[in-house]
Amino acid sequence: CTKCHVPAGRYCRDRIAGVHRVVRFHRPRQ
């Protein structure tokens, strides 16, 4: 993912309230 910089084979993530959370595949990755 070019947005959250996770490598191939990992779920995308966003930082929400100081904690990384699993999110849907970001649009740039899709």
PDB file of all heavy atoms in Angstrom:
ATOM      1  N   CYS A   1       0.843  -1.200   0.000  1.00  0.00           N
ATOM      2  CA  CYS A   1       0.000   0.000   0.000  1.00  0.00           C
ATOM      3  C   CYS A   1       0.875   1.246   0.000  1.00  0.00           C
ATOM      4  O   CYS A   1       1.714   1.423   0.886  1.00  0.00           O
ATOM      5  CB  CYS A   1      -0.935   0.019   1.207  1.00  0.00           C
ATOM      6  SG  CYS A   1      -2.068   1.433   1.168  1.00  0.00           S
ATOM      7  N   THR A   2       0.653   2.112  -0.981  1.00  0.00           N
ATOM      8  CA  THR A   2       1.426   3.341  -1.069  1.00  0.00           C
ATOM      9  C   THR A   2       0.908   4.412  -0.118  1.00  0.00           C
ATOM     10  O   THR A   2       1.594   5.399   0.123  1.00  0.00           O
ATOM     11  CB  THR A   2       1.411   3.892  -2.511  1.00  0.00           C
ATOM     12  OG1 THR A   2       0.059   4.089  -2.921  1.00  0.00           O
ATOM     13  CG2 THR A   2       2.098   2.923  -3.468  1.00  0.00           C
ATOM     14  N   LYS A   3      -0.278   4.220   0.448  1.00  0.00           N
ATOM     15  CA  LYS A   3      -0.819   5.216   1.374  1.00  0.00           C
ATOM     16  C   LYS A   3      -0.347   4.966   2.804  1.00  0.00           C
ATOM     17  O   LYS A   3       0.144   5.861   3.470  1.00  0.00           O
ATOM     18  CB  LYS A   3      -2.348   5.219   1.323  1.00  0.00           C
ATOM     19  CG  LYS A   3      -2.949   6.257   2.256  1.00  0.00           C
ATOM     20  CD  LYS A   3      -4.436   6.369   2.106  1.00  0.00           C
ATOM     21  CE  LYS A   3      -4.946   7.445   3.065  1.00  0.00           C
ATOM     22  NZ  LYS A   3      -6.378   7.632   2.956  1.00  0.00           N
ATOM     23  N   CYS A   4      -0.507   3.722   3.300  1.00  0.00           N
ATOM     24  CA  CYS A   4      -0.129   3.452   4.695  1.00  0.00           C
ATOM     25  C   CYS A   4       1.203   2.709   4.804  1.00  0.00           C
ATOM     26  O   CYS A   4       1.663   2.416   5.897  1.00  0.00           O
ATOM     27  CB  CYS A   4      -1.241   2.694   5.422  1.00  0.00           C
ATOM     28  SG  CYS A   4      -1.595   1.044   4.770  1.00  0.00           S
ATOM     29  N   HIS A   5       1.801   2.395   3.662  1.00  0.00           N
ATOM     30  CA  HIS A   5       3.146   1.814   3.583  1.00  0.00           C
ATOM     31  C   HIS A   5       3.280   0.424   4.202  1.00  0.00           C
ATOM     32  O   HIS A   5       4.362   0.053   4.647  1.00  0.00           O
ATOM     33  CB  HIS A   5       4.190   2.773   4.178  1.00  0.00           C
ATOM     34  CG  HIS A   5       4.109   4.133   3.575  1.00  0.00           C
ATOM     35  ND1 HIS A   5       4.486   4.392   2.274  1.00  0.00           N
ATOM     36  CD2 HIS A   5       3.653   5.309   4.074  1.00  0.00           C
ATOM     37  CE1 HIS A   5       4.287   5.668   2.005  1.00  0.00           C
ATOM     38  NE2 HIS A   5       3.769   6.254   3.074  1.00  0.00           N
ATOM     39  N   VAL A   6       2.188  -0.349   4.214  1.00  0.00           N
ATOM     40  CA  VAL A   6       2.313  -1.743   4.644  1.00  0.00           C
ATOM     41  C   VAL A   6       2.811  -2.549   3.448  1.00  0.00           C
ATOM     42  O   VAL A   6       2.511  -2.215   2.300  1.00  0.00           O
ATOM     43  CB  VAL A   6       0.977  -2.324   5.187  1.00  0.00           C
ATOM     44  CG1 VAL A   6       0.548  -1.612   6.447  1.00  0.00           C
ATOM     45  CG2 VAL A   6      -0.112  -2.302   4.144  1.00  0.00           C
ATOM     46  N   PRO A   7       3.581  -3.599   3.702  1.00  0.00           N
ATOM     47  CA  PRO A   7       4.062  -4.418   2.584  1.00  0.00           C
ATOM     48  C   PRO A   7       2.944  -5.293   2.028  1.00  0.00           C
ATOM     49  O   PRO A   7       1.885  -5.442   2.648  1.00  0.00           O
ATOM     50  CB  PRO A   7       5.161  -5.269   3.232  1.00  0.00           C
ATOM     51  CG  PRO A   7       4.778  -5.352   4.668  1.00  0.00           C
ATOM     52  CD  PRO A   7       4.095  -4.058   4.989  1.00  0.00           C
ATOM     53  N   ALA A   8       3.197  -5.878   0.878  1.00  0.00           N
ATOM     54  CA  ALA A   8       2.243  -6.841   0.313  1.00  0.00           C
ATOM     55  C   ALA A   8       2.010  -7.943   1.342  1.00  0.00           C
ATOM     56  O   ALA A   8       2.912  -8.312   2.093  1.00  0.00           O
ATOM     57  CB  ALA A   8       2.812  -7.432  -0.971  1.00  0.00           C
ATOM     58  N   GLY A   9       0.790  -8.432   1.397  1.00  0.00           N
ATOM     59  CA  GLY A   9       0.468  -9.519   2.319  1.00  0.00           C
ATOM     60  C   GLY A   9      -0.012  -9.070   3.682  1.00  0.00           C
ATOM     61  O   GLY A   9      -0.286  -9.891   4.550  1.00  0.00           O
ATOM     62  N   ARG A  10      -0.126  -7.751   3.909  1.00  0.00           N
ATOM     63  CA  ARG A  10      -0.599  -7.226   5.200  1.00  0.00           C
ATOM     64  C   ARG A  10      -1.842  -6.374   4.980  1.00  0.00           C
ATOM     65  O   ARG A  10      -2.005  -5.746   3.937  1.00  0.00           O
ATOM     66  CB  ARG A  10       0.461  -6.361   5.875  1.00  0.00           C
ATOM     67  CG  ARG A  10       1.758  -7.070   6.156  1.00  0.00           C
ATOM     68  CD  ARG A  10       1.630  -7.912   7.416  1.00  0.00           C
ATOM     69  NE  ARG A  10       2.922  -8.437   7.823  1.00  0.00           N
ATOM     70  CZ  ARG A  10       3.266  -9.710   7.680  1.00  0.00           C
ATOM     71  NH1 ARG A  10       2.438 -10.562   7.149  1.00  0.00           N
ATOM     72  NH2 ARG A  10       4.437 -10.122   8.083  1.00  0.00           N
ATOM     73  N   TYR A  11      -2.710  -6.334   5.976  1.00  0.00           N
ATOM     74  CA  TYR A  11      -3.890  -5.477   5.915  1.00  0.00           C
ATOM     75  C   TYR A  11      -3.469  -4.011   5.944  1.00  0.00           C
ATOM     76  O   TYR A  11      -2.451  -3.668   6.548  1.00  0.00           O
ATOM     77  CB  TYR A  11      -4.807  -5.728   7.113  1.00  0.00           C
ATOM     78  CG  TYR A  11      -5.538  -7.047   7.066  1.00  0.00           C
ATOM     79  CD1 TYR A  11      -5.100  -8.135   7.813  1.00  0.00           C
ATOM     80  CD2 TYR A  11      -6.679  -7.199   6.284  1.00  0.00           C
ATOM     81  CE1 TYR A  11      -5.782  -9.347   7.777  1.00  0.00           C
ATOM     82  CE2 TYR A  11      -7.362  -8.403   6.247  1.00  0.00           C
ATOM     83  CZ  TYR A  11      -6.915  -9.472   6.987  1.00  0.00           C
ATOM     84  OH  TYR A  11      -7.582 -10.664   6.958  1.00  0.00           O
ATOM     85  N   CYS A  12      -4.277  -3.143   5.335  1.00  0.00           N
ATOM     86  CA  CYS A  12      -4.043  -1.702   5.431  1.00  0.00           C
ATOM     87  C   CYS A  12      -4.375  -1.238   6.846  1.00  0.00           C
ATOM     88  O   CYS A  12      -5.100  -1.907   7.582  1.00  0.00           O
ATOM     89  CB  CYS A  12      -4.915  -0.946   4.420  1.00  0.00           C
ATOM     90  SG  CYS A  12      -4.301  -1.033   2.735  1.00  0.00           S
ATOM     91  N   ARG A  13      -3.832  -0.070   7.204  1.00  0.00           N
ATOM     92  CA  ARG A  13      -4.047   0.454   8.552  1.00  0.00           C
ATOM     93  C   ARG A  13      -4.191   1.967   8.507  1.00  0.00           C
ATOM     94  O   ARG A  13      -3.688   2.631   7.615  1.00  0.00           O
ATOM     95  CB  ARG A  13      -2.890   0.078   9.462  1.00  0.00           C
ATOM     96  CG  ARG A  13      -1.592   0.727   9.038  1.00  0.00           C
ATOM     97  CD  ARG A  13      -0.429   0.312   9.872  1.00  0.00           C
ATOM     98  NE  ARG A  13       0.780   0.944   9.325  1.00  0.00           N
ATOM     99  CZ  ARG A  13       1.979   0.524   9.553  1.00  0.00           C
ATOM    100  NH1 ARG A  13       2.178  -0.533  10.318  1.00  0.00           N
ATOM    101  NH2 ARG A  13       3.019   1.142   9.038  1.00  0.00           N
ATOM    102  N   ASP A  14      -4.904   2.485   9.483  1.00  0.00           N
ATOM    103  CA  ASP A  14      -5.000   3.925   9.728  1.00  0.00           C
ATOM    104  C   ASP A  14      -4.770   4.131  11.206  1.00  0.00           C
ATOM    105  O   ASP A  14      -5.116   3.278  12.035  1.00  0.00           O
ATOM    106  CB  ASP A  14      -6.386   4.471   9.363  1.00  0.00           C
ATOM    107  CG  ASP A  14      -6.529   4.789   7.884  1.00  0.00           C
ATOM    108  OD1 ASP A  14      -5.508   4.909   7.183  1.00  0.00           O
ATOM    109  OD2 ASP A  14      -7.679   4.923   7.439  1.00  0.00           O
ATOM    110  N   ARG A  15      -4.227   5.288  11.547  1.00  0.00           N
ATOM    111  CA  ARG A  15      -4.024   5.643  12.951  1.00  0.00           C
ATOM    112  C   ARG A  15      -5.260   6.404  13.420  1.00  0.00           C
ATOM    113  O   ARG A  15      -5.576   7.476  12.911  1.00  0.00           O
ATOM    114  CB  ARG A  15      -2.766   6.476  13.116  1.00  0.00           C
ATOM    115  CG  ARG A  15      -2.316   6.624  14.532  1.00  0.00           C
ATOM    116  CD  ARG A  15      -0.880   7.188  14.555  1.00  0.00           C
ATOM    117  NE  ARG A  15      -0.345   7.157  15.875  1.00  0.00           N
ATOM    118  CZ  ARG A  15       0.214   6.093  16.450  1.00  0.00           C
ATOM    119  NH1 ARG A  15       0.292   4.965  15.784  1.00  0.00           N
ATOM    120  NH2 ARG A  15       0.678   6.150  17.670  1.00  0.00           N
ATOM    121  N   ILE A  16      -5.980   5.836  14.369  1.00  0.00           N
ATOM    122  CA  ILE A  16      -7.213   6.424  14.894  1.00  0.00           C
ATOM    123  C   ILE A  16      -7.064   6.542  16.404  1.00  0.00           C
ATOM    124  O   ILE A  16      -6.874   5.539  17.098  1.00  0.00           O
ATOM    125  CB  ILE A  16      -8.441   5.554  14.543  1.00  0.00           C
ATOM    126  CG1 ILE A  16      -8.532   5.392  13.019  1.00  0.00           C
ATOM    127  CG2 ILE A  16      -9.721   6.158  15.121  1.00  0.00           C
ATOM    128  CD1 ILE A  16      -9.509   4.338  12.565  1.00  0.00           C
ATOM    129  N   ALA A  17      -7.129   7.769  16.908  1.00  0.00           N
ATOM    130  CA  ALA A  17      -6.987   8.034  18.348  1.00  0.00           C
ATOM    131  C   ALA A  17      -5.691   7.427  18.887  1.00  0.00           C
ATOM    132  O   ALA A  17      -5.659   6.834  19.965  1.00  0.00           O
ATOM    133  CB  ALA A  17      -8.193   7.524  19.117  1.00  0.00           C
ATOM    134  N   GLY A  18      -4.616   7.531  18.095  1.00  0.00           N
ATOM    135  CA  GLY A  18      -3.314   7.063  18.540  1.00  0.00           C
ATOM    136  C   GLY A  18      -3.075   5.569  18.420  1.00  0.00           C
ATOM    137  O   GLY A  18      -2.041   5.065  18.841  1.00  0.00           O
ATOM    138  N   VAL A  19      -4.023   4.840  17.838  1.00  0.00           N
ATOM    139  CA  VAL A  19      -3.903   3.383  17.706  1.00  0.00           C
ATOM    140  C   VAL A  19      -4.061   3.005  16.237  1.00  0.00           C
ATOM    141  O   VAL A  19      -4.958   3.502  15.555  1.00  0.00           O
ATOM    142  CB  VAL A  19      -4.997   2.669  18.546  1.00  0.00           C
ATOM    143  CG1 VAL A  19      -4.935   1.168  18.363  1.00  0.00           C
ATOM    144  CG2 VAL A  19      -4.885   3.041  20.005  1.00  0.00           C
ATOM    145  N   HIS A  20      -3.181   2.129  15.748  1.00  0.00           N
ATOM    146  CA  HIS A  20      -3.339   1.634  14.374  1.00  0.00           C
ATOM    147  C   HIS A  20      -4.509   0.665  14.335  1.00  0.00           C
ATOM    148  O   HIS A  20      -4.586  -0.257  15.144  1.00  0.00           O
ATOM    149  CB  HIS A  20      -2.073   0.926  13.894  1.00  0.00           C
ATOM    150  CG  HIS A  20      -1.036   1.867  13.419  1.00  0.00           C
ATOM    151  ND1 HIS A  20       0.174   2.014  14.046  1.00  0.00           N
ATOM    152  CD2 HIS A  20      -1.024   2.734  12.374  1.00  0.00           C
ATOM    153  CE1 HIS A  20       0.889   2.928  13.413  1.00  0.00           C
ATOM    154  NE2 HIS A  20       0.176   3.383  12.398  1.00  0.00           N
ATOM    155  N   ARG A  21      -5.415   0.873  13.387  1.00  0.00           N
ATOM    156  CA  ARG A  21      -6.588   0.021  13.198  1.00  0.00           C
ATOM    157  C   ARG A  21      -6.583  -0.548  11.787  1.00  0.00           C
ATOM    158  O   ARG A  21      -6.114   0.085  10.843  1.00  0.00           O
ATOM    159  CB  ARG A  21      -7.870   0.822  13.395  1.00  0.00           C
ATOM    160  CG  ARG A  21      -7.990   1.425  14.759  1.00  0.00           C
ATOM    161  CD  ARG A  21      -9.034   0.699  15.532  1.00  0.00           C
ATOM    162  NE  ARG A  21      -9.087   1.198  16.902  1.00  0.00           N
ATOM    163  CZ  ARG A  21      -9.254   0.425  17.933  1.00  0.00           C
ATOM    164  NH1 ARG A  21      -9.384  -0.866  17.776  1.00  0.00           N
ATOM    165  NH2 ARG A  21      -9.302   0.921  19.143  1.00  0.00           N
ATOM    166  N   VAL A  22      -7.121  -1.754  11.650  1.00  0.00           N
ATOM    167  CA  VAL A  22      -7.289  -2.378  10.341  1.00  0.00           C
ATOM    168  C   VAL A  22      -8.368  -1.609   9.596  1.00  0.00           C
ATOM    169  O   VAL A  22      -9.421  -1.294  10.162  1.00  0.00           O
ATOM    170  CB  VAL A  22      -7.718  -3.854  10.497  1.00  0.00           C
ATOM    171  CG1 VAL A  22      -8.058  -4.469   9.142  1.00  0.00           C
ATOM    172  CG2 VAL A  22      -6.631  -4.655  11.185  1.00  0.00           C
ATOM    173  N   VAL A  23      -8.102  -1.288   8.336  1.00  0.00           N
ATOM    174  CA  VAL A  23      -9.083  -0.616   7.486  1.00  0.00           C
ATOM    175  C   VAL A  23      -9.173  -1.351   6.151  1.00  0.00           C
ATOM    176  O   VAL A  23      -8.341  -2.200   5.848  1.00  0.00           O
ATOM    177  CB  VAL A  23      -8.720   0.867   7.253  1.00  0.00           C
ATOM    178  CG1 VAL A  23      -8.763   1.648   8.557  1.00  0.00           C
ATOM    179  CG2 VAL A  23      -7.365   1.020   6.600  1.00  0.00           C
ATOM    180  N   ARG A  24     -10.195  -0.989   5.384  1.00  0.00           N
ATOM    181  CA  ARG A  24     -10.331  -1.602   4.056  1.00  0.00           C
ATOM    182  C   ARG A  24      -9.087  -1.292   3.244  1.00  0.00           C
ATOM    183  O   ARG A  24      -8.326  -0.385   3.574  1.00  0.00           O
ATOM    184  CB  ARG A  24     -11.579  -1.083   3.352  1.00  0.00           C
ATOM    185  CG  ARG A  24     -11.478   0.374   2.952  1.00  0.00           C
ATOM    186  CD  ARG A  24     -12.686   0.784   2.130  1.00  0.00           C
ATOM    187  NE  ARG A  24     -12.649   2.194   1.807  1.00  0.00           N
ATOM    188  CZ  ARG A  24     -12.000   2.708   0.772  1.00  0.00           C
ATOM    189  NH1 ARG A  24     -11.318   1.940  -0.030  1.00  0.00           N
ATOM    190  NH2 ARG A  24     -12.015   4.000   0.551  1.00  0.00           N
ATOM    191  N   PHE A  25      -8.888  -2.031   2.172  1.00  0.00           N
ATOM    192  CA  PHE A  25      -7.765  -1.734   1.299  1.00  0.00           C
ATOM    193  C   PHE A  25      -7.914  -0.293   0.815  1.00  0.00           C
ATOM    194  O   PHE A  25      -8.962   0.090   0.294  1.00  0.00           O
ATOM    195  CB  PHE A  25      -7.743  -2.671   0.089  1.00  0.00           C
ATOM    196  CG  PHE A  25      -7.456  -4.104   0.432  1.00  0.00           C
ATOM    197  CD1 PHE A  25      -8.387  -5.095   0.174  1.00  0.00           C
ATOM    198  CD2 PHE A  25      -6.251  -4.468   1.009  1.00  0.00           C
ATOM    199  CE1 PHE A  25      -8.115  -6.416   0.469  1.00  0.00           C
ATOM    200  CE2 PHE A  25      -5.973  -5.786   1.313  1.00  0.00           C
ATOM    201  CZ  PHE A  25      -6.912  -6.770   1.042  1.00  0.00           C
ATOM    202  N   HIS A  26      -6.872   0.509   1.010  1.00  0.00           N
ATOM    203  CA  HIS A  26      -6.929   1.903   0.573  1.00  0.00           C
ATOM    204  C   HIS A  26      -7.098   1.980  -0.940  1.00  0.00           C
ATOM    205  O   HIS A  26      -6.660   1.098  -1.676  1.00  0.00           O
ATOM    206  CB  HIS A  26      -5.651   2.646   0.993  1.00  0.00           C
ATOM    207  CG  HIS A  26      -5.593   2.925   2.449  1.00  0.00           C
ATOM    208  ND1 HIS A  26      -4.621   2.387   3.267  1.00  0.00           N
ATOM    209  CD2 HIS A  26      -6.403   3.670   3.251  1.00  0.00           C
ATOM    210  CE1 HIS A  26      -4.825   2.811   4.504  1.00  0.00           C
ATOM    211  NE2 HIS A  26      -5.901   3.587   4.520  1.00  0.00           N
ATOM    212  N   ARG A  27      -7.732   3.054  -1.404  1.00  0.00           N
ATOM    213  CA  ARG A  27      -8.009   3.220  -2.837  1.00  0.00           C
ATOM    214  C   ARG A  27      -6.735   3.173  -3.681  1.00  0.00           C
ATOM    215  O   ARG A  27      -6.734   2.522  -4.742  1.00  0.00           O
ATOM    216  CB  ARG A  27      -8.779   4.522  -3.066  1.00  0.00           C
ATOM    217  CG  ARG A  27      -9.107   4.786  -4.524  1.00  0.00           C
ATOM    218  CD  ARG A  27      -9.836   3.652  -5.208  1.00  0.00           C
ATOM    219  NE  ARG A  27     -11.200   3.532  -4.734  1.00  0.00           N
ATOM    220  CZ  ARG A  27     -12.051   2.616  -5.162  1.00  0.00           C
ATOM    221  NH1 ARG A  27     -11.687   1.738  -6.082  1.00  0.00           N
ATOM    222  NH2 ARG A  27     -13.258   2.556  -4.685  1.00  0.00           N
ATOM    223  N   PRO A  28      -5.603   3.791  -3.277  1.00  0.00           N
ATOM    224  CA  PRO A  28      -4.401   3.664  -4.112  1.00  0.00           C
ATOM    225  C   PRO A  28      -3.951   2.206  -4.268  1.00  0.00           C
ATOM    226  O   PRO A  28      -3.506   1.802  -5.353  1.00  0.00           O
ATOM    227  CB  PRO A  28      -3.346   4.481  -3.367  1.00  0.00           C
ATOM    228  CG  PRO A  28      -4.121   5.461  -2.554  1.00  0.00           C
ATOM    229  CD  PRO A  28      -5.385   4.746  -2.169  1.00  0.00           C
ATOM    230  N   ARG A  29      -4.094   1.419  -3.228  1.00  0.00           N
ATOM    231  CA  ARG A  29      -3.729   0.003  -3.313  1.00  0.00           C
ATOM    232  C   ARG A  29      -4.680  -0.733  -4.256  1.00  0.00           C
ATOM    233  O   ARG A  29      -4.257  -1.564  -5.056  1.00  0.00           O
ATOM    234  CB  ARG A  29      -3.781  -0.615  -1.915  1.00  0.00           C
ATOM    235  CG  ARG A  29      -3.257  -2.034  -1.849  1.00  0.00           C
ATOM    236  CD  ARG A  29      -3.268  -2.523  -0.423  1.00  0.00           C
ATOM    237  NE  ARG A  29      -2.525  -3.747  -0.254  1.00  0.00           N
ATOM    238  CZ  ARG A  29      -2.315  -4.325   0.913  1.00  0.00           C
ATOM    239  NH1 ARG A  29      -2.774  -3.771   2.029  1.00  0.00           N
ATOM    240  NH2 ARG A  29      -1.633  -5.447   1.000  1.00  0.00           N
ATOM    241  N   GLN A  30      -5.973  -0.427  -4.155  1.00  0.00           N
ATOM    242  CA  GLN A  30      -6.943  -1.047  -5.059  1.00  0.00           C
ATOM    243  C   GLN A  30      -6.663  -0.656  -6.507  1.00  0.00           C
ATOM    244  O   GLN A  30      -6.734  -1.501  -7.406  1.00  0.00           O
ATOM    245  CB  GLN A  30      -8.369  -0.650  -4.667  1.00  0.00           C
ATOM    246  CG  GLN A  30      -8.811  -1.243  -3.341  1.00  0.00           C
ATOM    247  CD  GLN A  30     -10.268  -0.995  -3.052  1.00  0.00           C
ATOM    248  OE1 GLN A  30     -11.114  -1.145  -3.938  1.00  0.00           O
ATOM    249  NE2 GLN A  30     -10.589  -0.630  -1.825  1.00  0.00           N
TER     250      GLN A  30
END
